[in-house]
């Protein structure tokens, strides 16, 4: 084992560079805020332990860059207690899943990888790239298309491929310089688990050809396909002899009936009628002398058979159903699991109010006239609803919260998720700080986010971080009123119905007048929002809708 490590010393020389890079990141972002043992836990968890142990055994790390003497002595102490026998010829750095969490903390959504050195299969040093987790809820993803081909050079920051996550299609970037030697999962590959190897890169261009027949072993690592091994394969074992068949048990067979017993007595007229209707005489019971079958017996049999025919038809097997199996998209899978979790674990209750929208529609007409003259985006009723909901959340912050097992987290940012229906499923992009933005800005952002959702090009920043959700089925679909399911971990979602004209009492000379009313239903998490708090929020929301000028103050 020692000789093999020495033979690979050239490649191991790069290990200190990798260690110093990881150490600098950890010192800058972690060590300054964590105790040594927390830092050591990250070091061992995220896959740097092997290289650290190989390079640091036998000498003391240098001080500086925030590394103190107690830190060094503790490091050497722990290294002594964690020494292990390296019994394999492959040293891998980085865990594809645990390493991913480190990447998310330090460098955003980059590619998890693990590095392998020469093994008995004769492979040169290489790096296995795993499927990254590009959203908090992602457990598997699809490869939309590769932007780099096998044999091409890759550099840090270049886009390797496009990954379809549970939310959108996201570009996956390369972390290290090298050459793309092998693509394990090509364009259109489906349901690849997070951390599963999707490609292999090498440092030297001449090593690309050695990965032509590269495959993944059952353990997840790579192994080259055998090319005519020199060891002869053992001859196949002789097929086991068939077991002797046990003698069949002897079964006594009834003796054949005699000719006298086969004979059926029937009158000539009965025989003729039975033949005409294809009725076997053996199925008819005779009522004549000595059991003789007569014409009346055959007629009775035909009559009884006619009554049984419709009954049998009623119990006939139904025809096979005609159907089409529609594949389930990744976004629909995640949406289904999250909504099921929400309905099973969150105690929902619902509050509904009807709001008069006459003044809101008048204000919208005035604002759109100004927008058209200045070339801005038209403002929709939904934009006004988002603004009113955001201001109501600022007035009643208890509804801008989420439940945890230990505390209720109340948010200071008012970020409104907006439900958008597309051909690929339901998306909820977020309008951040909606309470601080003007109606023109909200209208522009909502239109841009809706377009990106329909194109499947939403980034994680476009849909993560929401604190409250608005779902509107009234304007586009004419739904009068509905109850929406809370989007966890949020504690509330507002369902907006369509506006309808109603006859209401008038305060003027006329006894009655017409007014437009819109239904709004608030779904609440009772663990966070008590009934009175939810009613207070709806009161504030209704006030902004019925007096929309107050939203401009």
Protein backbone atom coordinates (compact mmCIF):
# COMPACT_ATOMS: atom_id res chain seq x y z
CA UNK A 1 0.00 0.00 0.00
CA UNK A 2 2.85 2.39 0.88
CA UNK A 3 4.53 1.80 -2.49
CA UNK A 4 1.35 2.59 -4.39
CA UNK A 5 0.89 5.87 -2.52
CA UNK A 6 4.51 6.81 -3.26
CA UNK A 7 3.96 6.03 -6.97
CA UNK A 8 1.14 8.56 -6.98
CA UNK A 9 3.08 11.27 -5.14
CA UNK A 10 2.96 13.58 -8.14
CA UNK A 11 -0.80 13.67 -7.99
CA UNK A 12 -0.83 13.91 -4.22
CA UNK A 13 1.25 17.06 -4.45
CA UNK A 14 -1.93 18.84 -5.48
CA UNK A 15 -3.58 17.74 -2.23
CA UNK A 16 -2.09 20.60 -0.13
CA UNK A 17 -3.45 23.10 -2.64
CA UNK A 18 -6.90 21.62 -2.29
CA UNK A 19 -6.54 21.55 1.48
CA UNK A 20 -5.35 25.14 1.64
CA UNK A 21 -8.29 26.21 -0.54
CA UNK A 22 -10.81 24.41 1.69
CA UNK A 23 -8.96 25.63 4.82
CA UNK A 24 -9.03 29.25 3.65
CA UNK A 25 -12.73 29.04 2.99
CA UNK A 26 -13.39 27.41 6.32
CA UNK A 27 -11.17 29.87 8.21
CA UNK A 28 -12.84 32.86 6.53
CA UNK A 29 -16.43 31.69 6.89
CA UNK A 30 -16.53 29.05 9.60
CA UNK A 31 -13.56 29.07 12.00
CA UNK A 32 -14.14 32.69 12.95
CA UNK A 33 -17.64 31.86 14.09
CA UNK A 34 -17.28 28.30 15.41
CA UNK A 35 -15.28 26.52 18.05
CA UNK A 36 -12.53 24.17 16.97
CA UNK A 37 -14.56 20.99 17.48
CA UNK A 38 -17.36 22.35 15.22
CA UNK A 39 -14.72 23.13 12.57
CA UNK A 40 -13.22 19.65 12.94
CA UNK A 41 -16.67 18.09 12.57
CA UNK A 42 -17.11 19.92 9.25
CA UNK A 43 -13.59 18.95 8.17
CA UNK A 44 -14.18 15.24 8.72
CA UNK A 45 -17.80 15.29 7.54
CA UNK A 46 -17.16 17.03 4.24
CA UNK A 47 -14.48 14.69 3.04
CA UNK A 48 -11.18 16.58 3.62
CA UNK A 49 -10.01 14.21 6.37
CA UNK A 50 -8.17 11.75 4.10
CA UNK A 51 -5.86 14.34 2.46
CA UNK A 52 -5.38 16.22 5.76
CA UNK A 53 -4.31 12.99 7.48
CA UNK A 54 -1.92 11.94 4.69
CA UNK A 55 -0.20 15.34 4.54
CA UNK A 56 -0.24 16.25 8.23
CA UNK A 57 0.76 12.99 9.96
CA UNK A 58 4.24 13.44 11.43
CA UNK A 59 4.49 17.24 11.46
CA UNK A 60 2.78 20.18 13.14
CA UNK A 61 0.67 22.61 11.02
CA UNK A 62 2.01 26.15 10.93
CA UNK A 63 0.44 28.92 12.93
CA UNK A 64 -1.20 31.92 11.37
CA UNK A 65 -4.41 32.81 9.57
CA UNK A 66 -6.41 32.41 12.74
CA UNK A 67 -4.86 29.02 13.67
CA UNK A 68 -3.73 29.16 17.28
CA UNK A 69 -1.44 26.85 19.27
CA UNK A 70 -4.36 25.26 21.15
CA UNK A 71 -5.97 24.70 17.76
CA UNK A 72 -2.82 22.99 16.42
CA UNK A 73 -2.31 20.83 19.48
CA UNK A 74 -5.97 19.82 19.41
CA UNK A 75 -5.66 19.02 15.71
CA UNK A 76 -2.64 16.76 16.22
CA UNK A 77 -4.39 15.15 19.17
CA UNK A 78 -7.45 14.39 17.13
CA UNK A 79 -5.35 13.23 14.22
CA UNK A 80 -3.73 10.74 16.54
CA UNK A 81 -7.08 9.42 17.71
CA UNK A 82 -8.53 9.23 14.21
CA UNK A 83 -5.65 7.42 12.45
CA UNK A 84 -6.83 4.56 10.31
CA UNK A 85 -5.28 1.88 8.13
CA UNK A 86 -5.67 2.67 4.44
CA UNK A 87 -6.31 -0.75 2.96
CA UNK A 88 -7.57 0.29 -0.45
CA UNK A 89 -5.71 1.63 -3.44
CA UNK A 90 -8.27 4.37 -4.07
CA UNK A 91 -8.36 7.60 -2.05
CA UNK A 92 -11.47 9.70 -2.61
CA UNK A 93 -11.85 13.26 -1.44
CA UNK A 94 -15.30 14.61 -0.79
CA UNK A 95 -18.62 12.97 -0.20
CA UNK A 96 -21.09 13.70 -3.01
CA UNK A 97 -23.94 14.41 -0.60
CA UNK A 98 -22.17 15.83 2.45
CA UNK A 99 -19.82 17.77 0.19
CA UNK A 100 -22.82 19.34 -1.43
CA UNK A 101 -23.89 20.90 1.88
CA UNK A 102 -20.43 22.46 2.23
CA UNK A 103 -20.68 23.82 -1.31
CA UNK A 104 -24.05 25.37 -0.54
CA UNK A 105 -22.62 27.08 2.55
CA UNK A 106 -19.47 28.35 0.92
CA UNK A 107 -20.01 28.80 -2.79
CA UNK A 108 -23.66 28.61 -3.74
CA UNK A 109 -25.03 25.97 -6.09
CA UNK A 110 -21.85 24.33 -7.39
CA UNK A 111 -21.15 20.78 -8.41
CA UNK A 112 -20.47 18.13 -5.74
CA UNK A 113 -17.54 15.95 -6.71
CA UNK A 114 -15.16 13.31 -5.46
CA UNK A 115 -11.62 12.67 -6.65
CA UNK A 116 -10.21 9.21 -7.33
CA UNK A 117 -6.60 8.15 -7.84
CA UNK A 118 -5.17 5.18 -9.76
CA UNK A 119 -6.57 1.80 -8.81
CA UNK A 120 -6.14 -1.78 -9.93
CA UNK A 121 -8.37 -1.01 -12.92
CA UNK A 122 -5.57 1.18 -14.30
CA UNK A 123 -7.52 4.43 -14.18
CA UNK A 124 -5.63 7.74 -13.98
CA UNK A 125 -6.57 10.41 -11.43
CA UNK A 126 -10.12 11.59 -12.08
CA UNK A 127 -13.01 13.44 -10.51
CA UNK A 128 -16.56 12.10 -10.27
CA UNK A 129 -19.22 14.81 -10.53
CA UNK A 130 -22.46 14.12 -8.67
CA UNK A 131 -26.00 15.38 -9.17
CA UNK A 132 -26.21 18.58 -7.08
CA UNK A 133 -29.10 19.66 -4.85
CA UNK A 134 -30.19 22.95 -6.39
CA UNK A 135 -33.20 23.59 -4.16
CA UNK A 136 -34.08 22.79 -0.53
CA UNK A 137 -36.74 20.25 -1.53
CA UNK A 138 -34.80 18.54 -4.33
CA UNK A 139 -34.13 14.81 -3.92
CA UNK A 140 -33.64 13.91 -7.59
CA UNK A 141 -33.30 15.72 -10.90
CA UNK A 142 -33.28 15.31 -14.66
CA UNK A 143 -30.58 16.21 -17.19
CA UNK A 144 -32.12 18.60 -19.72
CA UNK A 145 -29.03 18.88 -21.95
CA UNK A 146 -25.25 18.91 -21.78
CA UNK A 147 -23.56 22.14 -22.90
CA UNK A 148 -20.12 20.48 -22.82
CA UNK A 149 -19.24 17.37 -24.81
CA UNK A 150 -16.92 14.51 -23.94
CA UNK A 151 -13.30 15.50 -24.55
CA UNK A 152 -13.88 19.24 -24.17
CA UNK A 153 -11.91 21.35 -21.73
CA UNK A 154 -13.82 22.79 -18.75
CA UNK A 155 -12.88 25.71 -16.52
CA UNK A 156 -14.23 26.92 -13.17
CA UNK A 157 -17.47 28.84 -13.63
CA UNK A 158 -18.33 27.33 -17.03
CA UNK A 159 -21.76 25.75 -17.42
CA UNK A 160 -21.57 21.96 -17.77
CA UNK A 161 -25.24 21.13 -18.26
CA UNK A 162 -28.81 22.19 -17.52
CA UNK A 163 -30.55 20.34 -14.69
CA UNK A 164 -34.32 20.10 -14.31
CA UNK A 165 -35.02 20.43 -10.59
CA UNK A 166 -38.31 20.17 -8.73
CA UNK A 167 -38.83 23.89 -9.40
CA UNK A 168 -37.15 24.93 -12.65
CA UNK A 169 -34.29 24.31 -15.07
CA UNK A 170 -30.99 25.43 -13.52
CA UNK A 171 -27.50 25.72 -15.02
CA UNK A 172 -24.84 23.59 -13.29
CA UNK A 173 -21.35 25.09 -13.19
CA UNK A 174 -17.94 23.41 -13.06
CA UNK A 175 -15.72 23.91 -9.99
CA UNK A 176 -12.27 22.84 -11.23
CA UNK A 177 -10.28 22.99 -14.43
CA UNK A 178 -9.89 19.82 -16.48
CA UNK A 179 -11.38 17.79 -19.32
CA UNK A 180 -14.80 16.15 -19.50
CA UNK A 181 -13.80 12.50 -19.92
CA UNK A 182 -17.11 10.67 -19.61
CA UNK A 183 -20.80 11.58 -19.41
CA UNK A 184 -22.60 8.92 -17.35
CA UNK A 185 -26.14 10.27 -17.76
CA UNK A 186 -26.79 11.91 -21.11
CA UNK A 187 -29.41 14.37 -22.37
CA UNK A 188 -32.89 13.61 -21.10
CA UNK A 189 -31.81 11.31 -18.25
CA UNK A 190 -34.63 11.12 -15.68
CA UNK A 191 -34.91 10.76 -11.89
CA UNK A 192 -31.21 10.91 -10.98
CA UNK A 193 -30.78 10.87 -7.20
CA UNK A 194 -28.91 13.74 -5.53
CA UNK A 195 -25.24 12.74 -5.20
CA UNK A 196 -25.38 10.11 -7.97
CA UNK A 197 -22.40 10.39 -10.36
CA UNK A 198 -23.37 11.99 -13.69
CA UNK A 199 -19.94 12.67 -15.25
CA UNK A 200 -16.18 12.24 -14.83
CA UNK A 201 -13.42 14.80 -15.43
CA UNK A 202 -9.63 14.35 -15.68
CA UNK A 203 -6.70 16.74 -15.34
CA UNK A 204 -4.72 15.62 -18.39
CA UNK A 205 -6.13 15.51 -21.91
CA UNK A 206 -4.32 12.27 -22.76
CA UNK A 207 -6.28 10.46 -20.01
CA UNK A 208 -9.65 11.00 -21.73
CA UNK A 209 -9.41 7.87 -23.90
CA UNK A 210 -8.95 5.65 -20.83
CA UNK A 211 -12.52 6.44 -19.73
CA UNK A 212 -14.21 5.35 -22.96
CA UNK A 213 -15.66 2.21 -21.33
CA UNK A 214 -16.01 3.74 -17.85
CA UNK A 215 -18.98 2.43 -15.87
CA UNK A 216 -20.25 2.79 -12.33
CA UNK A 217 -19.88 -0.05 -9.86
CA UNK A 218 -22.69 -1.15 -7.56
CA UNK A 219 -21.18 0.88 -4.75
CA UNK A 220 -21.45 4.05 -6.78
CA UNK A 221 -17.76 4.33 -7.69
CA UNK A 222 -16.39 4.08 -11.19
CA UNK A 223 -14.68 1.14 -12.80
CA UNK A 224 -13.45 0.61 -16.30
CA UNK A 225 -15.05 -2.15 -18.30
CA UNK A 226 -12.94 -5.26 -18.55
CA UNK A 227 -11.07 -5.56 -21.84
CA UNK A 228 -10.14 -9.23 -22.05
CA UNK A 229 -8.75 -10.11 -18.68
CA UNK A 230 -5.66 -12.38 -18.72
CA UNK A 231 -7.09 -14.53 -15.95
CA UNK A 232 -9.08 -17.36 -17.46
CA UNK A 233 -12.64 -17.53 -16.28
CA UNK A 234 -13.51 -20.69 -14.37
CA UNK A 235 -15.57 -23.21 -16.31
CA UNK A 236 -19.26 -23.02 -15.59
CA UNK A 237 -20.54 -25.50 -13.10
CA UNK A 238 -22.30 -28.51 -14.49
CA UNK A 239 -25.99 -28.17 -14.48
CA UNK A 240 -27.53 -29.97 -11.59
CA UNK A 241 -29.17 -33.18 -12.52
CA UNK A 242 -32.88 -33.07 -12.61
CA UNK A 243 -34.35 -34.61 -9.48
CA UNK A 244 -36.02 -37.91 -9.96
CA UNK A 245 -39.72 -37.43 -10.42
CA UNK A 246 -41.77 -38.86 -7.64
CA UNK A 247 -44.32 -41.43 -8.67
CA UNK A 248 -47.73 -39.95 -9.26
CA UNK A 249 -50.30 -40.91 -6.64
CA UNK A 250 -52.68 -43.54 -7.77
CA UNK A 251 -56.20 -42.21 -8.14
CA UNK A 252 -59.06 -44.60 -8.50
CA UNK A 253 -61.08 -43.76 -11.60
CA UNK A 254 -64.79 -44.45 -11.75
CA UNK A 255 -65.72 -47.23 -14.03
CA UNK A 256 -67.39 -46.28 -17.29
CA UNK A 257 -71.16 -46.46 -17.15
CA UNK A 258 -72.80 -49.31 -18.89
CA UNK A 259 -74.67 -48.88 -22.14
CA UNK A 260 -77.95 -49.25 -20.28
CA UNK A 261 -77.07 -46.40 -17.98
CA UNK A 262 -76.14 -44.17 -21.01
CA UNK A 263 -79.52 -44.59 -22.62
CA UNK A 264 -81.98 -41.70 -22.14
CA UNK A 265 -85.65 -42.41 -22.59
CA UNK A 266 -87.55 -39.71 -24.45
CA UNK A 267 -90.50 -39.52 -26.75
CA UNK A 268 -89.82 -38.98 -30.47
CA UNK A 269 -91.51 -35.57 -30.33
CA UNK A 270 -89.34 -34.53 -27.36
CA UNK A 271 -86.18 -35.71 -29.17
CA UNK A 272 -87.11 -33.74 -32.30
CA UNK A 273 -87.82 -30.55 -30.31
CA UNK A 274 -84.56 -30.87 -28.36
CA UNK A 275 -82.52 -31.30 -31.56
CA UNK A 276 -84.12 -28.24 -33.14
CA UNK A 277 -83.09 -26.08 -30.18
CA UNK A 278 -79.68 -27.71 -29.61
CA UNK A 279 -80.65 -28.92 -26.16
CA UNK A 280 -78.88 -32.02 -24.77
CA UNK A 281 -81.42 -34.49 -23.40
CA UNK A 282 -79.10 -35.27 -20.50
CA UNK A 283 -79.79 -31.81 -19.05
CA UNK A 284 -83.56 -32.30 -19.00
CA UNK A 285 -85.36 -34.13 -16.23
CA UNK A 286 -88.18 -36.29 -17.46
CA UNK A 287 -91.62 -36.32 -15.84
CA UNK A 288 -93.15 -39.11 -17.92
CA UNK A 289 -93.54 -42.77 -16.91
CA UNK A 290 -90.27 -44.20 -15.51
CA UNK A 291 -88.57 -40.77 -15.92
CA UNK A 292 -89.31 -40.58 -19.66
CA UNK A 293 -88.75 -37.13 -21.24
CA UNK A 294 -91.81 -35.79 -22.96
CA UNK A 295 -92.48 -32.71 -25.10
CA UNK A 296 -93.69 -30.67 -22.11
CA UNK A 297 -90.36 -31.27 -20.32
CA UNK A 298 -88.40 -29.83 -23.25
CA UNK A 299 -90.71 -26.80 -23.50
CA UNK A 300 -90.38 -26.12 -19.77
CA UNK A 301 -86.60 -26.32 -20.09
CA UNK A 302 -86.56 -23.86 -23.03
CA UNK A 303 -88.78 -21.46 -21.12
CA UNK A 304 -86.56 -21.52 -18.03
CA UNK A 305 -83.42 -21.03 -20.12
CA UNK A 306 -84.94 -17.95 -21.75
CA UNK A 307 -85.47 -16.38 -18.32
CA UNK A 308 -81.85 -17.06 -17.25
CA UNK A 309 -80.33 -15.46 -20.37
CA UNK A 310 -81.11 -11.81 -19.44
CA UNK A 311 -79.87 -12.40 -15.88
CA UNK A 312 -76.53 -13.65 -17.21
CA UNK A 313 -76.30 -10.64 -19.51
CA UNK A 314 -76.66 -8.30 -16.53
CA UNK A 315 -73.59 -9.85 -14.86
CA UNK A 316 -71.45 -9.79 -17.99
CA UNK A 317 -67.93 -8.38 -17.53
CA UNK A 318 -67.67 -4.63 -18.32
CA UNK A 319 -65.77 -3.51 -21.36
CA UNK A 320 -62.12 -2.52 -20.89
CA UNK A 321 -61.63 1.20 -20.15
CA UNK A 322 -59.83 3.40 -22.65
CA UNK A 323 -57.18 5.57 -20.98
CA UNK A 324 -53.81 7.34 -21.37
CA UNK A 325 -50.99 7.29 -18.80
CA UNK A 326 -49.54 10.78 -18.42
CA UNK A 327 -45.96 10.95 -17.04
CA UNK A 328 -45.63 12.82 -13.73
CA UNK A 329 -43.26 15.79 -13.97
CA UNK A 330 -40.74 16.56 -11.26
CA UNK A 331 -42.51 19.77 -10.23
CA UNK A 332 -45.83 17.93 -9.91
CA UNK A 333 -44.22 15.24 -7.72
CA UNK A 334 -42.79 17.82 -5.33
CA UNK A 335 -45.99 19.89 -5.30
CA UNK A 336 -48.02 16.78 -4.49
CA UNK A 337 -45.73 15.73 -1.63
CA UNK A 338 -45.60 19.23 -0.11
CA UNK A 339 -49.36 19.75 -0.27
CA UNK A 340 -49.99 16.30 1.18
CA UNK A 341 -47.57 17.09 4.01
CA UNK A 342 -49.32 20.43 4.56
CA UNK A 343 -52.82 18.96 4.71
CA UNK A 344 -51.73 16.13 7.02
CA UNK A 345 -49.65 18.16 9.50
CA UNK A 346 -51.04 21.72 9.51
CA UNK A 347 -54.35 22.40 11.30
CA UNK A 348 -56.12 24.49 8.65
CA UNK A 349 -59.07 26.76 9.29
CA UNK A 350 -60.66 29.29 6.93
CA UNK A 351 -61.99 32.85 7.16
CA UNK A 352 -63.91 34.54 4.33
CA UNK A 353 -64.90 38.17 3.72
CA UNK A 354 -66.60 39.97 0.83
CA UNK A 355 -64.95 43.24 -0.16
CA UNK A 356 -66.44 45.99 -2.33
CA UNK A 357 -64.05 46.67 -5.21
CA UNK A 358 -65.76 49.64 -6.91
CA UNK A 359 -63.19 52.17 -5.68
CA UNK A 360 -60.38 49.69 -6.44
CA UNK A 361 -61.51 49.37 -10.06
CA UNK A 362 -61.78 53.16 -10.42
CA UNK A 363 -58.25 53.65 -9.06
CA UNK A 364 -56.93 50.91 -11.34
CA UNK A 365 -58.42 52.69 -14.38
CA UNK A 366 -56.76 55.96 -13.42
CA UNK A 367 -53.38 54.33 -12.80
CA UNK A 368 -53.46 52.38 -16.07
CA UNK A 369 -54.15 55.58 -17.98
CA UNK A 370 -50.97 57.04 -16.46
CA UNK A 371 -49.06 53.80 -17.17
CA UNK A 372 -50.05 53.76 -20.83
CA UNK A 373 -49.00 57.37 -21.29
CA UNK A 374 -45.59 56.66 -19.75
CA UNK A 375 -45.09 53.27 -21.47
CA UNK A 376 -45.29 51.25 -18.25
CA UNK A 377 -46.91 47.86 -17.58
CA UNK A 378 -50.66 47.77 -16.95
CA UNK A 379 -51.66 47.15 -13.34
CA UNK A 380 -53.96 44.20 -12.70
CA UNK A 381 -56.40 43.57 -9.86
CA UNK A 382 -54.02 40.86 -8.64
CA UNK A 383 -51.20 43.43 -8.35
CA UNK A 384 -53.43 45.56 -6.11
CA UNK A 385 -54.35 42.47 -4.07
CA UNK A 386 -50.63 41.64 -3.56
CA UNK A 387 -49.94 45.18 -2.37
CA UNK A 388 -52.95 45.15 0.00
CA UNK A 389 -51.94 41.74 1.42
CA UNK A 390 -48.36 42.93 1.98
CA UNK A 391 -49.49 46.07 3.82
CA UNK A 392 -51.92 44.01 5.93
CA UNK A 393 -49.02 41.69 6.90
CA UNK A 394 -47.00 44.71 7.97
CA UNK A 395 -49.95 45.91 10.09
CA UNK A 396 -50.61 42.42 11.58
CA UNK A 397 -47.13 40.80 11.66
CA UNK A 398 -48.35 37.72 13.56
CA UNK A 399 -49.63 36.40 10.21
CA UNK A 400 -46.19 36.87 8.66
CA UNK A 401 -44.77 33.96 10.64
CA UNK A 402 -44.03 30.23 10.51
CA UNK A 403 -44.18 27.40 13.05
CA UNK A 404 -41.22 25.42 14.35
CA UNK A 405 -41.17 22.83 17.10
CA UNK A 406 -39.46 25.20 19.52
CA UNK A 407 -40.69 28.69 18.59
CA UNK A 408 -42.73 30.79 16.17
CA UNK A 409 -40.51 32.63 13.70
CA UNK A 410 -41.89 36.09 12.83
CA UNK A 411 -40.41 37.56 9.65
CA UNK A 412 -39.46 41.20 9.21
CA UNK A 413 -39.48 40.93 5.40
CA UNK A 414 -42.81 40.72 3.61
CA UNK A 415 -42.16 38.40 0.63
CA UNK A 416 -45.30 37.39 -1.26
CA UNK A 417 -45.40 34.17 -3.31
CA UNK A 418 -47.76 34.38 -6.29
CA UNK A 419 -49.31 31.15 -7.60
CA UNK A 420 -48.78 30.73 -11.37
CA UNK A 421 -50.31 27.84 -13.29
CA UNK A 422 -48.31 26.47 -16.26
CA UNK A 423 -48.45 23.45 -18.55
CA UNK A 424 -45.72 21.85 -16.40
CA UNK A 425 -47.51 22.38 -13.09
CA UNK A 426 -47.96 25.00 -10.36
CA UNK A 427 -45.16 27.50 -9.61
CA UNK A 428 -45.05 30.10 -6.83
CA UNK A 429 -42.42 32.76 -7.65
CA UNK A 430 -41.82 35.39 -4.96
CA UNK A 431 -42.13 39.21 -4.97
CA UNK A 432 -39.67 40.33 -2.30
CA UNK A 433 -40.42 43.26 0.03
CA UNK A 434 -43.79 43.78 -1.61
CA UNK A 435 -44.85 46.16 1.16
CA UNK A 436 -42.07 48.58 0.16
CA UNK A 437 -42.57 48.49 -3.63
CA UNK A 438 -44.89 50.58 -5.75
CA UNK A 439 -47.72 49.10 -7.80
CA UNK A 440 -45.84 49.69 -11.07
CA UNK A 441 -42.81 47.75 -9.79
CA UNK A 442 -44.98 44.89 -8.49
CA UNK A 443 -46.83 44.64 -11.82
CA UNK A 444 -43.55 44.46 -13.75
CA UNK A 445 -42.02 41.82 -11.49
CA UNK A 446 -45.13 39.61 -11.49
CA UNK A 447 -45.27 39.59 -15.30
CA UNK A 448 -41.56 38.75 -15.58
CA UNK A 449 -41.79 35.95 -13.01
CA UNK A 450 -44.92 34.49 -14.62
CA UNK A 451 -43.18 34.44 -18.02
CA UNK A 452 -40.10 32.71 -16.56
CA UNK A 453 -42.33 30.15 -14.84
CA UNK A 454 -44.07 29.29 -18.12
CA UNK A 455 -40.68 28.96 -19.84
CA UNK A 456 -39.31 26.80 -16.98
CA UNK A 457 -36.39 29.17 -16.42
CA UNK A 458 -36.99 30.17 -12.78
CA UNK A 459 -33.89 30.27 -10.59
CA UNK A 460 -33.93 29.27 -6.88
CA UNK A 461 -33.81 32.96 -5.93
CA UNK A 462 -37.04 33.48 -7.88
CA UNK A 463 -39.16 31.18 -5.71
CA UNK A 464 -37.38 30.73 -2.35
CA UNK A 465 -37.81 32.87 0.74
CA UNK A 466 -41.54 33.63 0.60
CA UNK A 467 -43.42 34.39 3.85
CA UNK A 468 -47.03 34.45 2.55
CA UNK A 469 -48.85 33.29 -0.60
CA UNK A 470 -51.62 34.76 -2.77
CA UNK A 471 -53.63 32.51 -5.13
CA UNK A 472 -56.12 34.13 -7.53
CA UNK A 473 -58.60 31.92 -9.40
CA UNK A 474 -61.22 34.65 -9.74
CA UNK A 475 -59.87 36.89 -12.47
CA UNK A 476 -58.53 34.24 -14.88
CA UNK A 477 -61.08 31.48 -14.21
CA UNK A 478 -64.16 33.09 -12.71
CA UNK A 479 -64.15 31.01 -9.51
CA UNK A 480 -66.40 32.69 -6.95
CA UNK A 481 -64.76 31.38 -3.77
CA UNK A 482 -62.33 28.60 -2.75
CA UNK A 483 -60.08 27.45 0.11
CA UNK A 484 -56.38 27.12 -0.69
CA UNK A 485 -53.86 24.76 0.96
CA UNK A 486 -51.09 26.45 2.97
CA UNK A 487 -47.63 26.44 1.39
CA UNK A 488 -45.30 25.19 4.20
CA UNK A 489 -43.47 26.50 6.16
CA UNK A 490 -45.74 29.53 5.80
CA UNK A 491 -48.77 29.93 8.06
CA UNK A 492 -51.23 31.61 5.69
CA UNK A 493 -52.43 31.75 2.10
CA UNK A 494 -55.05 34.10 0.60
CA UNK A 495 -57.51 32.73 -1.98
CA UNK A 496 -59.08 35.40 -4.22
CA UNK A 497 -62.38 34.81 -6.04
CA UNK A 498 -64.04 36.72 -8.87
CA UNK A 499 -65.92 40.03 -8.49
CA UNK A 500 -69.68 39.99 -9.03
CA UNK A 501 -72.31 42.70 -9.08
CA UNK A 502 -74.88 42.74 -6.30
CA UNK A 503 -77.87 44.87 -5.35
CA UNK A 504 -77.20 46.74 -2.10
CA UNK A 505 -79.06 49.42 -0.14
CA UNK A 506 -78.31 53.00 -1.22
CA UNK A 507 -77.75 55.98 1.04
CA UNK A 508 -78.85 58.39 -1.70
CA UNK A 509 -82.27 59.25 -3.09
CA UNK A 510 -82.48 55.87 -4.78
CA UNK A 511 -83.42 53.01 -2.52
CA UNK A 512 -81.02 50.47 -4.07
CA UNK A 513 -77.81 50.50 -6.13
CA UNK A 514 -75.40 48.05 -7.77
CA UNK A 515 -71.94 47.32 -6.34
CA UNK A 516 -69.16 44.81 -7.18
CA UNK A 517 -67.96 42.47 -4.43
CA UNK A 518 -64.95 40.15 -4.38
CA UNK A 519 -64.63 37.11 -2.11
CA UNK A 520 -61.35 36.61 -0.19
CA UNK A 521 -60.65 33.49 1.91
CA UNK A 522 -57.71 33.28 4.30
CA UNK A 523 -56.38 29.77 5.11
CA UNK A 524 -54.63 29.87 8.52
CA UNK A 525 -52.33 27.59 10.47
CA UNK A 526 -54.07 27.50 13.84
CA UNK A 527 -50.77 26.81 15.62
CA UNK A 528 -49.57 30.28 14.61
CA UNK A 529 -52.64 32.36 13.76
CA UNK A 530 -55.49 32.38 16.25
CA UNK A 531 -59.00 33.08 14.98
CA UNK A 532 -59.05 36.66 16.26
CA UNK A 533 -55.64 37.38 14.69
CA UNK A 534 -56.79 36.00 11.33
CA UNK A 535 -59.96 38.11 11.52
CA UNK A 536 -57.88 41.19 12.34
CA UNK A 537 -55.69 40.59 9.30
CA UNK A 538 -58.71 40.19 7.01
CA UNK A 539 -60.17 43.42 8.42
CA UNK A 540 -56.94 45.26 7.54
CA UNK A 541 -56.89 43.67 4.06
CA UNK A 542 -60.51 44.64 3.42
CA UNK A 543 -59.76 48.21 4.51
CA UNK A 544 -57.00 48.54 1.91
CA UNK A 545 -59.17 47.03 -0.86
CA UNK A 546 -62.23 49.19 -0.15
CA UNK A 547 -60.11 52.34 0.35
CA UNK A 548 -57.27 51.77 -2.13
CA UNK A 549 -55.95 55.34 -1.85
CA UNK A 550 -54.60 54.39 1.56
CA UNK A 551 -52.16 51.98 -0.15
CA UNK A 552 -50.49 54.95 -1.84
CA UNK A 553 -49.76 56.81 1.41
